[in-house]
Amino acid sequence: MTDSELPGEQRLFIGGEWTEPDGGHYEVINPATEGVVGLAPEASRAQVHQAATAAREAFATWSRTTPEERAAVLDRAAAIMQRDFASYAELAQAESGATTGTARGMQVAVSVARFKRYAKGAMEPVETALPPQISEAGPMGRAGVLGALAVRQPVGVVTCITSYNNPWANPAGKVAPALAMGNTVVVKPAPQDPLSVYRMAAALEEAGAPAGVVNVVSGARPEVGEAAVDSGDVDMVSFTGSTSVGQRIAEVCGRDMKRQLMELGGKGAALVFDDADLDAAVAGTGTTFAFYSGQICTAPTRVIAHRAIYDDLIEKLKTYIGYMKVGDPRDKGTVVGPVISSAHRDRIESYVELGRKEGARVVAGGERPAFDRGFYVAPTLLADCTNDMRVVREEIFGPVVVVVPFEDEEEGIALANDSDYGLIDYVWSADVARAFRVARRLRAGGVGVNTIGRNMEAPFGGFKKSGVGRDVGSYALHAYSELQSIVWPG
């Protein structure tokens, strides 16, 4: 993306109008070049509340549209995103620092796929017939038969607060199912890369989404997100981000009993048994370094390796890292791009230094790559770790993998479960029966058995401090709905 192609001063999107922000604009920085990608709007609290009010007003009509109408809007939006795919991917890359393959295949392409999926999802039945109940005569009335339906109704106005690691797929995974169910949304994008989310809003506007159905308000100040949560017009908050921020959001939601969907931190354990395909386990773990430069909560950042293969696994991981090119995400062959900001780079580096002090052995990485510009962190492997180390227990959210040894199955399971997090764990073993047995005992919302792949119809969410609720596939439609029962005499 050249300077002449960079976005100018972006405006807020409130009630179907592109609105000048009360707080002016702030610079969105390219993590690879440290250049300015564009100027993002800084909303005031009043403007955020105005967006929520617009969504409340639009809900009355949008929630009563037919599934066919909602599906048509989502389908048209997907077609517009596909039409403008190249420019969207360039913007996403400039904002987030993603490699070309990631920006195209895992950001914009996933967004298109999710809008198509929930266009179909809008047509899924929302009524479930329940078995009739035979009631004896008593204080509640005469004997009879009662029929019943369980009906999924839209929640109302949903605030969607999105993560910086994927400015297309993450918002799409919230906005598309919420709209499919008949909700209206206020989207508060991550401050680091909000410009892509405004492009999504423009696509929905062009696709025919009525005024107020989709609203986007951004800002670098915490007050913007706080207003998107505490507005009295908001019925539900869907948040992806850190556990600490999620806890604060939950406290505010709790005061007004607002629904929550929280996808929070992760410290994925990868149990590698002595009969595992080590090359496959290494390739799976290696995705931590590559995808989003480790800025992904589903990454297997915590390898728990059987003593019998511990040394071999460490050596293979070291060799694997040696093949990973770190550099400009636009360059062909780059595997590891920058992290989102200088502050985050410093945070990751401080964890590596902490690991050294705690007694971990730095097998690979540990030094800042020699680039004149950009927020780069070398893929780093820490061995000889123990479960009491902070680098093992805390989410680093960068291209850093820690390795902890174990002696037998029981110890491996205990080490994996000894964590505040429980998003996605992994098991690597040639003994499929053992792998599934172990998977069932892991306290995690998802477990990959000999794969880091995801089934995009399977429920996604975490145990413990990794979140509340489930989405993806039809589970997302359930997440953005309330259950109502309708009962009648037979």
Protein backbone atom coordinates (compact mmCIF):
# COMPACT_ATOMS: atom_id res chain seq x y z
CA MET A 1 0.00 0.00 0.00
CA THR A 2 1.63 3.28 -1.11
CA ASP A 3 1.33 6.63 0.61
CA SER A 4 -1.16 7.80 -2.02
CA GLU A 5 -3.38 4.83 -1.24
CA LEU A 6 -3.40 5.25 2.53
CA PRO A 7 -6.76 5.98 4.15
CA GLY A 8 -7.34 9.58 5.18
CA GLU A 9 -9.30 10.76 8.20
CA GLN A 10 -11.81 8.05 8.99
CA ARG A 11 -15.22 9.03 10.37
CA LEU A 12 -17.43 7.16 12.84
CA PHE A 13 -20.44 5.22 11.59
CA ILE A 14 -23.49 6.01 13.73
CA GLY A 15 -27.12 5.47 12.80
CA GLY A 16 -26.28 5.07 9.13
CA GLU A 17 -24.32 8.34 8.99
CA TRP A 18 -20.57 8.87 8.64
CA THR A 19 -19.97 11.20 11.56
CA GLU A 20 -17.08 13.47 12.55
CA PRO A 21 -15.59 12.36 15.88
CA ASP A 22 -15.78 14.66 18.87
CA GLY A 23 -12.30 13.66 20.00
CA GLY A 24 -10.47 14.23 16.74
CA HIS A 25 -8.23 11.55 15.27
CA TYR A 26 -5.23 9.45 16.22
CA GLU A 27 -2.59 7.73 14.09
CA VAL A 28 -2.80 4.05 13.20
CA ILE A 29 0.77 2.77 12.94
CA ASN A 30 2.08 0.08 10.58
CA PRO A 31 3.93 -2.40 12.86
CA ALA A 32 6.35 -3.34 10.06
CA THR A 33 7.41 0.14 8.96
CA GLU A 34 6.31 2.38 11.85
CA GLY A 35 4.67 4.59 9.21
CA VAL A 36 1.17 6.02 9.52
CA VAL A 37 -1.51 3.84 7.93
CA GLY A 38 -4.32 6.34 8.46
CA LEU A 39 -6.13 8.44 11.01
CA ALA A 40 -8.75 6.75 13.17
CA PRO A 41 -11.61 8.63 14.82
CA GLU A 42 -11.75 9.17 18.58
CA ALA A 43 -15.36 8.98 19.73
CA SER A 44 -16.70 10.72 22.80
CA ARG A 45 -18.76 8.91 25.42
CA ALA A 46 -21.79 10.75 24.13
CA GLN A 47 -21.20 9.51 20.60
CA VAL A 48 -20.82 5.92 21.78
CA HIS A 49 -24.11 6.19 23.66
CA GLN A 50 -25.63 7.79 20.56
CA ALA A 51 -24.55 4.73 18.56
CA ALA A 52 -26.17 2.42 21.12
CA THR A 53 -29.39 4.46 20.97
CA ALA A 54 -29.38 4.22 17.17
CA ALA A 55 -28.96 0.46 17.47
CA ARG A 56 -31.84 0.30 19.95
CA GLU A 57 -34.13 2.20 17.59
CA ALA A 58 -33.13 0.03 14.62
CA PHE A 59 -33.68 -3.18 16.60
CA ALA A 60 -37.45 -2.74 16.63
CA THR A 61 -37.58 -3.11 12.86
CA TRP A 62 -34.54 -5.31 12.12
CA SER A 63 -35.58 -7.97 14.64
CA ARG A 64 -38.87 -8.37 12.79
CA THR A 65 -37.37 -8.77 9.32
CA THR A 66 -37.66 -12.19 7.71
CA PRO A 67 -34.73 -14.59 7.80
CA GLU A 68 -34.59 -14.27 4.01
CA GLU A 69 -34.08 -10.50 4.26
CA ARG A 70 -31.29 -10.82 6.78
CA ALA A 71 -29.64 -13.60 4.78
CA ALA A 72 -29.71 -11.44 1.65
CA VAL A 73 -27.92 -8.57 3.38
CA LEU A 74 -25.21 -10.88 4.73
CA ASP A 75 -24.78 -12.57 1.35
CA ARG A 76 -24.44 -9.24 -0.44
CA ALA A 77 -21.92 -8.05 2.15
CA ALA A 78 -19.84 -11.18 1.57
CA ALA A 79 -19.91 -10.55 -2.19
CA ILE A 80 -18.73 -6.96 -1.70
CA MET A 81 -15.89 -8.13 0.54
CA GLN A 82 -14.89 -10.66 -2.10
CA ARG A 83 -15.03 -7.95 -4.78
CA ASP A 84 -12.70 -5.67 -2.81
CA PHE A 85 -10.64 -8.53 -1.39
CA ALA A 86 -7.21 -7.27 -2.50
CA SER A 87 -7.54 -3.76 -1.07
CA TYR A 88 -8.99 -5.10 2.18
CA ALA A 89 -6.07 -7.51 2.58
CA GLU A 90 -3.55 -4.74 1.95
CA LEU A 91 -5.17 -2.56 4.60
CA ALA A 92 -5.35 -5.43 7.09
CA GLN A 93 -1.67 -6.17 6.51
CA ALA A 94 -0.69 -2.54 6.96
CA GLU A 95 -2.68 -2.20 10.19
CA SER A 96 -1.89 -5.51 11.85
CA GLY A 97 1.54 -6.44 10.48
CA ALA A 98 0.24 -9.80 9.24
CA THR A 99 2.09 -11.64 6.50
CA THR A 100 0.50 -11.60 3.06
CA GLY A 101 -0.72 -15.17 3.39
CA THR A 102 -2.24 -14.50 6.80
CA ALA A 103 -3.90 -11.22 5.79
CA ARG A 104 -5.45 -12.83 2.75
CA GLY A 105 -6.18 -16.37 3.88
CA MET A 106 -6.86 -16.03 7.60
CA GLN A 107 -8.24 -12.52 7.86
CA VAL A 108 -10.26 -11.30 4.87
CA ALA A 109 -11.03 -14.76 3.43
CA VAL A 110 -12.31 -15.96 6.80
CA SER A 111 -14.47 -12.85 7.10
CA VAL A 112 -16.06 -13.57 3.70
CA ALA A 113 -16.62 -17.20 4.71
CA ARG A 114 -18.25 -16.20 8.00
CA PHE A 115 -20.67 -13.79 6.36
CA LYS A 116 -21.64 -16.52 3.90
CA ARG A 117 -22.01 -19.04 6.72
CA TYR A 118 -24.33 -16.82 8.74
CA ALA A 119 -26.37 -15.87 5.69
CA LYS A 120 -27.25 -19.56 5.76
CA GLY A 121 -27.47 -19.41 9.55
CA ALA A 122 -30.20 -16.80 9.35
CA MET A 123 -32.35 -19.52 7.76
CA GLU A 124 -31.79 -22.08 10.51
CA PRO A 125 -34.92 -22.96 12.53
CA VAL A 126 -35.34 -21.01 15.74
CA GLU A 127 -38.18 -23.14 17.14
CA THR A 128 -37.83 -26.53 18.79
CA ALA A 129 -40.92 -28.56 19.57
CA LEU A 130 -40.84 -30.13 23.02
CA PRO A 131 -42.58 -33.37 24.06
CA PRO A 132 -46.10 -32.75 25.38
CA GLN A 133 -46.52 -32.92 29.13
CA ILE A 134 -49.47 -34.69 30.72
CA SER A 135 -50.58 -32.91 33.87
CA GLU A 136 -52.73 -34.37 36.63
CA ALA A 137 -55.52 -32.31 38.12
CA GLY A 138 -54.35 -30.22 41.03
CA PRO A 139 -53.94 -26.69 42.43
CA MET A 140 -52.74 -25.45 39.02
CA GLY A 141 -55.92 -26.53 37.27
CA ARG A 142 -57.62 -29.42 35.55
CA ALA A 143 -55.84 -32.43 34.12
CA GLY A 144 -54.65 -31.95 30.57
CA VAL A 145 -51.90 -32.00 28.05
CA LEU A 146 -49.56 -29.04 27.61
CA GLY A 147 -47.64 -28.47 24.42
CA ALA A 148 -44.48 -26.34 24.34
CA LEU A 149 -42.03 -24.68 22.03
CA ALA A 150 -38.52 -23.45 22.81
CA VAL A 151 -37.98 -20.35 20.67
CA ARG A 152 -34.69 -18.50 20.18
CA GLN A 153 -35.22 -14.73 20.16
CA PRO A 154 -32.61 -12.04 19.43
CA VAL A 155 -30.99 -10.58 22.55
CA GLY A 156 -31.25 -6.95 21.40
CA VAL A 157 -28.36 -4.51 21.07
CA VAL A 158 -24.98 -6.24 21.12
CA THR A 159 -21.69 -4.43 21.73
CA CYS A 160 -18.91 -6.22 19.86
CA ILE A 161 -15.44 -5.39 21.16
CA THR A 162 -12.86 -6.92 18.86
CA SER A 163 -9.22 -7.98 19.09
CA TYR A 164 -6.25 -6.46 17.27
CA ASN A 165 -4.77 -9.72 16.02
CA ASN A 166 -7.42 -10.23 13.35
CA PRO A 167 -9.30 -7.08 12.26
CA TRP A 168 -11.50 -9.01 9.79
CA ALA A 169 -12.23 -12.54 11.00
CA ASN A 170 -12.81 -11.58 14.62
CA PRO A 171 -15.39 -8.83 13.96
CA ALA A 172 -17.05 -11.01 11.30
CA GLY A 173 -17.42 -13.82 13.82
CA LYS A 174 -19.40 -11.48 16.06
CA VAL A 175 -21.28 -9.18 13.69
CA ALA A 176 -22.48 -11.79 11.17
CA PRO A 177 -24.18 -14.22 13.61
CA ALA A 178 -25.54 -11.35 15.70
CA LEU A 179 -27.19 -9.80 12.64
CA ALA A 180 -28.36 -13.19 11.39
CA MET A 181 -30.32 -13.65 14.63
CA GLY A 182 -31.96 -10.23 14.32
CA ASN A 183 -29.79 -8.27 16.74
CA THR A 184 -28.30 -4.85 16.04
CA VAL A 185 -24.68 -4.06 16.87
CA VAL A 186 -22.30 -1.44 18.14
CA VAL A 187 -18.78 -2.43 17.14
CA LYS A 188 -15.85 -1.08 19.09
CA PRO A 189 -12.71 -2.21 17.22
CA ALA A 190 -9.28 -2.59 18.76
CA PRO A 191 -7.54 0.81 18.77
CA GLN A 192 -4.46 -0.55 16.98
CA ASP A 193 -6.21 -1.56 13.73
CA PRO A 194 -9.76 -0.18 13.49
CA LEU A 195 -9.74 0.94 9.86
CA SER A 196 -10.56 -2.52 8.49
CA VAL A 197 -13.70 -2.65 10.64
CA TYR A 198 -14.94 0.57 9.07
CA ARG A 199 -14.49 -1.07 5.65
CA MET A 200 -16.68 -3.92 6.89
CA ALA A 201 -19.33 -1.41 7.98
CA ALA A 202 -19.18 0.25 4.56
CA ALA A 203 -19.68 -3.13 2.90
CA LEU A 204 -22.74 -3.76 5.05
CA GLU A 205 -24.09 -0.31 4.27
CA GLU A 206 -23.67 -0.96 0.54
CA ALA A 207 -25.29 -4.38 1.03
CA GLY A 208 -28.44 -2.72 2.32
CA ALA A 209 -28.17 -3.00 6.09
CA PRO A 210 -30.68 -0.42 7.38
CA ALA A 211 -29.48 2.64 9.28
CA GLY A 212 -28.58 1.86 12.89
CA VAL A 213 -28.31 -1.89 12.43
CA VAL A 214 -24.51 -1.63 12.34
CA ASN A 215 -22.62 1.13 14.16
CA VAL A 216 -18.84 1.49 14.54
CA VAL A 217 -17.17 3.70 17.14
CA SER A 218 -13.45 3.68 17.81
CA GLY A 219 -10.96 5.32 20.12
CA ALA A 220 -7.61 4.87 21.79
CA ARG A 221 -8.93 5.97 25.17
CA PRO A 222 -10.44 3.41 27.60
CA GLU A 223 -13.53 5.61 27.95
CA VAL A 224 -14.73 4.59 24.49
CA GLY A 225 -14.87 0.90 25.35
CA GLU A 226 -16.34 1.64 28.76
CA ALA A 227 -19.17 3.63 27.20
CA ALA A 228 -19.88 0.79 24.77
CA VAL A 229 -20.35 -1.53 27.75
CA ASP A 230 -22.17 0.68 30.24
CA SER A 231 -24.76 2.18 27.90
CA GLY A 232 -28.27 1.47 29.10
CA ASP A 233 -29.26 0.61 25.53
CA VAL A 234 -26.84 -2.33 25.36
CA ASP A 235 -28.22 -5.79 26.18
CA MET A 236 -25.14 -7.94 25.56
CA VAL A 237 -21.38 -7.59 25.26
CA SER A 238 -19.29 -9.86 23.06
CA PHE A 239 -15.61 -9.37 23.84
CA THR A 240 -12.36 -10.87 22.59
CA GLY A 241 -9.23 -9.82 24.44
CA SER A 242 -7.30 -10.17 27.65
CA THR A 243 -8.67 -11.84 30.76
CA SER A 244 -8.02 -8.75 32.87
CA VAL A 245 -10.13 -6.52 30.61
CA GLY A 246 -12.79 -9.23 30.35
CA GLN A 247 -13.07 -9.34 34.13
CA ARG A 248 -13.67 -5.58 34.27
CA ILE A 249 -16.30 -5.82 31.53
CA ALA A 250 -18.02 -8.67 33.40
CA GLU A 251 -18.24 -6.53 36.53
CA VAL A 252 -20.03 -3.77 34.62
CA CYS A 253 -22.31 -6.22 32.84
CA GLY A 254 -23.17 -7.90 36.11
CA ARG A 255 -24.66 -4.72 37.54
CA ASP A 256 -27.34 -4.66 34.83
CA MET A 257 -27.48 -8.43 34.17
CA LYS A 258 -26.26 -7.99 30.60
CA ARG A 259 -25.51 -11.10 28.61
CA GLN A 260 -21.83 -11.81 27.96
CA LEU A 261 -19.79 -13.77 25.45
CA MET A 262 -16.13 -13.69 26.44
CA GLU A 263 -13.22 -15.15 24.49
CA LEU A 264 -10.26 -14.35 26.70
CA GLY A 265 -6.67 -15.43 27.23
CA GLY A 266 -5.06 -18.75 26.56
CA LYS A 267 -1.94 -20.70 27.43
CA GLY A 268 -2.52 -23.78 25.32
CA ALA A 269 -0.84 -26.96 26.54
CA ALA A 270 0.48 -29.38 23.94
CA LEU A 271 1.04 -32.80 25.51
CA VAL A 272 3.59 -34.68 23.43
CA PHE A 273 3.84 -38.37 24.34
CA ASP A 274 6.78 -40.65 23.70
CA ASP A 275 5.09 -42.32 20.70
CA ALA A 276 4.10 -39.05 19.00
CA ASP A 277 5.00 -38.07 15.46
CA LEU A 278 7.55 -35.46 16.54
CA ASP A 279 7.75 -33.76 13.17
CA ALA A 280 3.98 -33.23 13.20
CA ALA A 281 4.06 -32.02 16.81
CA VAL A 282 6.87 -29.59 15.98
CA ALA A 283 5.05 -28.27 12.91
CA GLY A 284 1.90 -27.79 14.98
CA THR A 285 3.76 -26.00 17.75
CA GLY A 286 5.61 -23.93 15.17
CA THR A 287 2.38 -22.20 14.22
CA THR A 288 2.78 -20.26 17.47
CA PHE A 289 5.73 -18.46 15.95
CA ALA A 290 4.11 -17.92 12.56
CA PHE A 291 0.42 -17.07 12.83
CA TYR A 292 0.13 -13.42 13.90
CA SER A 293 3.67 -13.69 15.35
CA GLY A 294 2.35 -15.58 18.33
CA GLN A 295 -0.45 -13.09 18.99
CA ILE A 296 -3.15 -15.73 19.04
CA CYS A 297 -4.88 -17.15 22.10
CA THR A 298 -5.29 -20.65 20.60
CA ALA A 299 -1.55 -21.18 20.12
CA PRO A 300 0.17 -24.21 21.72
CA THR A 301 2.59 -22.02 23.65
CA ARG A 302 3.12 -24.47 26.50
CA VAL A 303 4.66 -27.75 25.36
CA ILE A 304 4.56 -30.55 27.93
CA ALA A 305 6.93 -33.20 26.61
CA HIS A 306 7.53 -36.77 27.75
CA ARG A 307 11.04 -37.27 29.13
CA ALA A 308 11.78 -40.00 26.58
CA ILE A 309 11.48 -37.59 23.64
CA TYR A 310 12.22 -34.32 25.44
CA ASP A 311 15.73 -33.73 24.06
CA ASP A 312 14.75 -34.78 20.52
CA LEU A 313 11.75 -32.47 20.58
CA ILE A 314 13.82 -29.52 21.78
CA GLU A 315 16.35 -30.11 18.99
CA LYS A 316 13.66 -30.40 16.32
CA LEU A 317 11.97 -27.20 17.52
CA LYS A 318 15.31 -25.41 17.44
CA THR A 319 15.91 -26.58 13.87
CA TYR A 320 12.38 -25.60 12.86
CA ILE A 321 12.86 -22.07 14.18
CA GLY A 322 16.05 -21.81 12.13
CA TYR A 323 14.01 -22.06 8.93
CA MET A 324 11.54 -19.34 9.92
CA LYS A 325 12.29 -16.09 8.14
CA VAL A 326 11.62 -13.01 10.24
CA GLY A 327 11.02 -9.82 8.32
CA ASP A 328 8.77 -7.50 6.38
CA PRO A 329 5.39 -9.24 6.14
CA ARG A 330 5.06 -8.08 2.51
CA ASP A 331 8.19 -9.94 1.44
CA LYS A 332 7.83 -13.36 -0.13
CA GLY A 333 9.08 -16.06 2.21
CA THR A 334 8.51 -14.11 5.42
CA VAL A 335 7.00 -16.39 8.06
CA VAL A 336 7.22 -14.20 11.17
CA GLY A 337 6.23 -10.57 10.88
CA PRO A 338 6.18 -7.88 13.58
CA VAL A 339 4.06 -7.74 16.69
CA ILE A 340 1.43 -5.04 16.98
CA SER A 341 3.35 -2.27 18.78
CA SER A 342 6.61 -1.24 20.39
CA ALA A 343 4.99 -1.52 23.82
CA HIS A 344 3.94 -5.10 23.13
CA ARG A 345 7.40 -5.97 21.78
CA ASP A 346 8.93 -4.65 25.00
CA ARG A 347 6.46 -6.70 27.04
CA ILE A 348 7.34 -9.92 25.21
CA GLU A 349 11.06 -9.25 25.57
CA SER A 350 10.61 -8.64 29.29
CA TYR A 351 9.03 -12.09 29.60
CA VAL A 352 11.98 -13.70 27.83
CA GLU A 353 14.35 -11.97 30.23
CA LEU A 354 12.16 -13.06 33.14
CA GLY A 355 12.38 -16.64 31.88
CA ARG A 356 16.16 -16.43 31.98
CA LYS A 357 16.04 -15.17 35.56
CA GLU A 358 13.62 -17.93 36.53
CA GLY A 359 16.06 -20.56 35.28
CA ALA A 360 14.73 -21.35 31.81
CA ARG A 361 17.26 -22.14 29.08
CA VAL A 362 17.00 -19.98 25.95
CA VAL A 363 17.49 -22.52 23.16
CA ALA A 364 16.64 -20.19 20.28
CA GLY A 365 15.79 -16.53 19.90
CA GLY A 366 15.94 -14.23 22.86
CA GLU A 367 17.55 -11.35 20.96
CA ARG A 368 15.84 -8.56 19.05
CA PRO A 369 16.16 -8.97 15.26
CA ALA A 370 18.37 -6.34 13.65
CA PHE A 371 15.90 -4.20 11.73
CA ASP A 372 15.98 -0.42 11.46
CA ARG A 373 12.21 -0.17 11.68
CA GLY A 374 9.35 -2.32 12.86
CA PHE A 375 8.33 -4.10 16.04
CA TYR A 376 10.02 -7.45 15.53
CA VAL A 377 10.54 -10.24 18.05
CA ALA A 378 12.61 -13.31 17.26
CA PRO A 379 10.87 -16.70 17.62
CA THR A 380 12.00 -17.85 21.03
CA LEU A 381 12.20 -21.30 22.61
CA LEU A 382 12.56 -21.68 26.38
CA ALA A 383 13.47 -25.15 27.69
CA ASP A 384 13.94 -26.70 31.12
CA CYS A 385 10.89 -24.87 32.42
CA THR A 386 8.78 -25.74 35.45
CA ASN A 387 5.11 -25.08 36.04
CA ASP A 388 5.76 -22.52 38.76
CA MET A 389 7.56 -20.14 36.39
CA ARG A 390 5.65 -17.04 35.31
CA VAL A 391 6.64 -17.63 31.68
CA VAL A 392 4.78 -20.94 31.92
CA ARG A 393 1.75 -19.66 33.81
CA GLU A 394 1.10 -16.29 32.17
CA GLU A 395 -0.01 -15.47 28.65
CA ILE A 396 2.88 -13.85 26.77
CA PHE A 397 0.98 -13.39 23.49
CA GLY A 398 4.04 -13.47 21.30
CA PRO A 399 6.30 -15.88 19.40
CA VAL A 400 7.53 -17.62 22.55
CA VAL A 401 7.17 -21.33 23.38
CA VAL A 402 8.03 -22.85 26.75
CA VAL A 403 8.76 -26.57 27.26
CA VAL A 404 8.07 -28.51 30.47
CA PRO A 405 9.03 -32.22 30.85
CA PHE A 406 6.76 -34.93 32.30
CA GLU A 407 7.26 -38.57 33.31
CA ASP A 408 3.90 -40.30 32.84
CA GLU A 409 0.33 -39.75 31.69
CA GLU A 410 -1.00 -38.68 35.07
CA GLU A 411 1.72 -36.09 35.56
CA GLY A 412 1.25 -34.78 32.02
CA ILE A 413 -2.48 -34.27 32.56
CA ALA A 414 -1.88 -32.64 35.94
CA LEU A 415 0.66 -30.21 34.46
CA ALA A 416 -1.65 -29.33 31.57
CA ASN A 417 -4.56 -28.64 33.92
CA ASP A 418 -2.45 -26.65 36.39
CA SER A 419 -3.26 -23.37 34.68
CA ASP A 420 -5.60 -20.43 35.08
CA TYR A 421 -6.48 -20.84 31.40
CA GLY A 422 -8.38 -23.47 29.46
CA LEU A 423 -9.05 -22.44 25.88
CA ILE A 424 -7.53 -25.02 23.53
CA ASP A 425 -5.10 -27.81 24.43
CA TYR A 426 -3.45 -30.39 22.18
CA VAL A 427 -2.48 -34.05 22.48
CA TRP A 428 0.11 -35.73 20.26
CA SER A 429 0.26 -39.53 20.42
CA ALA A 430 0.18 -42.49 18.02
CA ASP A 431 -2.09 -44.27 20.50
CA VAL A 432 -5.44 -42.77 19.48
CA ALA A 433 -7.27 -44.41 22.38
CA ARG A 434 -4.89 -42.79 24.84
CA ALA A 435 -5.07 -39.44 23.03
CA PHE A 436 -8.86 -39.34 23.30
CA ARG A 437 -8.75 -40.56 26.90
CA VAL A 438 -6.38 -37.77 27.81
CA ALA A 439 -8.36 -35.20 25.81
CA ARG A 440 -11.48 -35.95 27.85
CA ARG A 441 -9.57 -35.18 31.05
CA LEU A 442 -8.17 -31.84 29.95
CA ARG A 443 -9.92 -28.79 31.38
CA ALA A 444 -10.09 -26.88 28.13
CA GLY A 445 -12.89 -25.74 25.85
CA GLY A 446 -11.28 -27.51 22.90
CA VAL A 447 -8.67 -30.21 22.37
CA GLY A 448 -6.81 -30.95 19.17
CA VAL A 449 -5.77 -34.59 18.81
CA ASN A 450 -2.74 -34.82 16.54
CA THR A 451 -3.75 -31.56 14.85
CA ILE A 452 -3.84 -27.83 15.39
CA GLY A 453 -6.74 -27.59 12.91
CA ARG A 454 -10.16 -26.28 13.82
CA ASN A 455 -13.56 -27.61 12.80
CA MET A 456 -15.46 -24.40 12.12
CA GLU A 457 -18.79 -25.90 13.16
CA ALA A 458 -17.50 -27.06 16.55
CA PRO A 459 -18.21 -24.92 19.63
CA PHE A 460 -15.41 -22.52 20.53
CA GLY A 461 -14.76 -21.01 23.95
CA GLY A 462 -12.87 -21.54 27.14
CA PHE A 463 -12.91 -23.05 30.60
CA LYS A 464 -11.72 -21.12 33.65
CA LYS A 465 -10.27 -17.66 32.91
CA SER A 466 -10.29 -18.28 29.17
CA GLY A 467 -13.85 -17.11 28.81
CA VAL A 468 -17.59 -17.50 29.12
CA GLY A 469 -19.92 -18.94 26.48
CA ARG A 470 -19.44 -20.62 23.11
CA ASP A 471 -19.61 -19.47 19.52
CA VAL A 472 -18.70 -20.63 15.97
CA GLY A 473 -21.10 -22.54 13.72
CA SER A 474 -24.66 -22.74 14.97
CA TYR A 475 -23.38 -22.23 18.52
CA ALA A 476 -22.78 -18.56 17.64
CA LEU A 477 -26.44 -18.20 16.68
CA HIS A 478 -27.36 -19.63 20.07
CA ALA A 479 -24.92 -17.27 21.80
CA TYR A 480 -26.62 -14.23 20.28
CA SER A 481 -30.13 -15.32 21.23
CA GLU A 482 -32.35 -15.68 24.26
CA LEU A 483 -34.50 -18.75 24.82
CA GLN A 484 -38.23 -18.22 25.20
CA SER A 485 -40.75 -20.93 26.02
CA ILE A 486 -44.28 -20.87 24.66
CA VAL A 487 -46.77 -23.23 26.31
CA TRP A 488 -50.38 -23.99 25.33
CA PRO A 489 -53.12 -26.49 26.28
CA GLY A 490 -53.47 -29.53 24.05
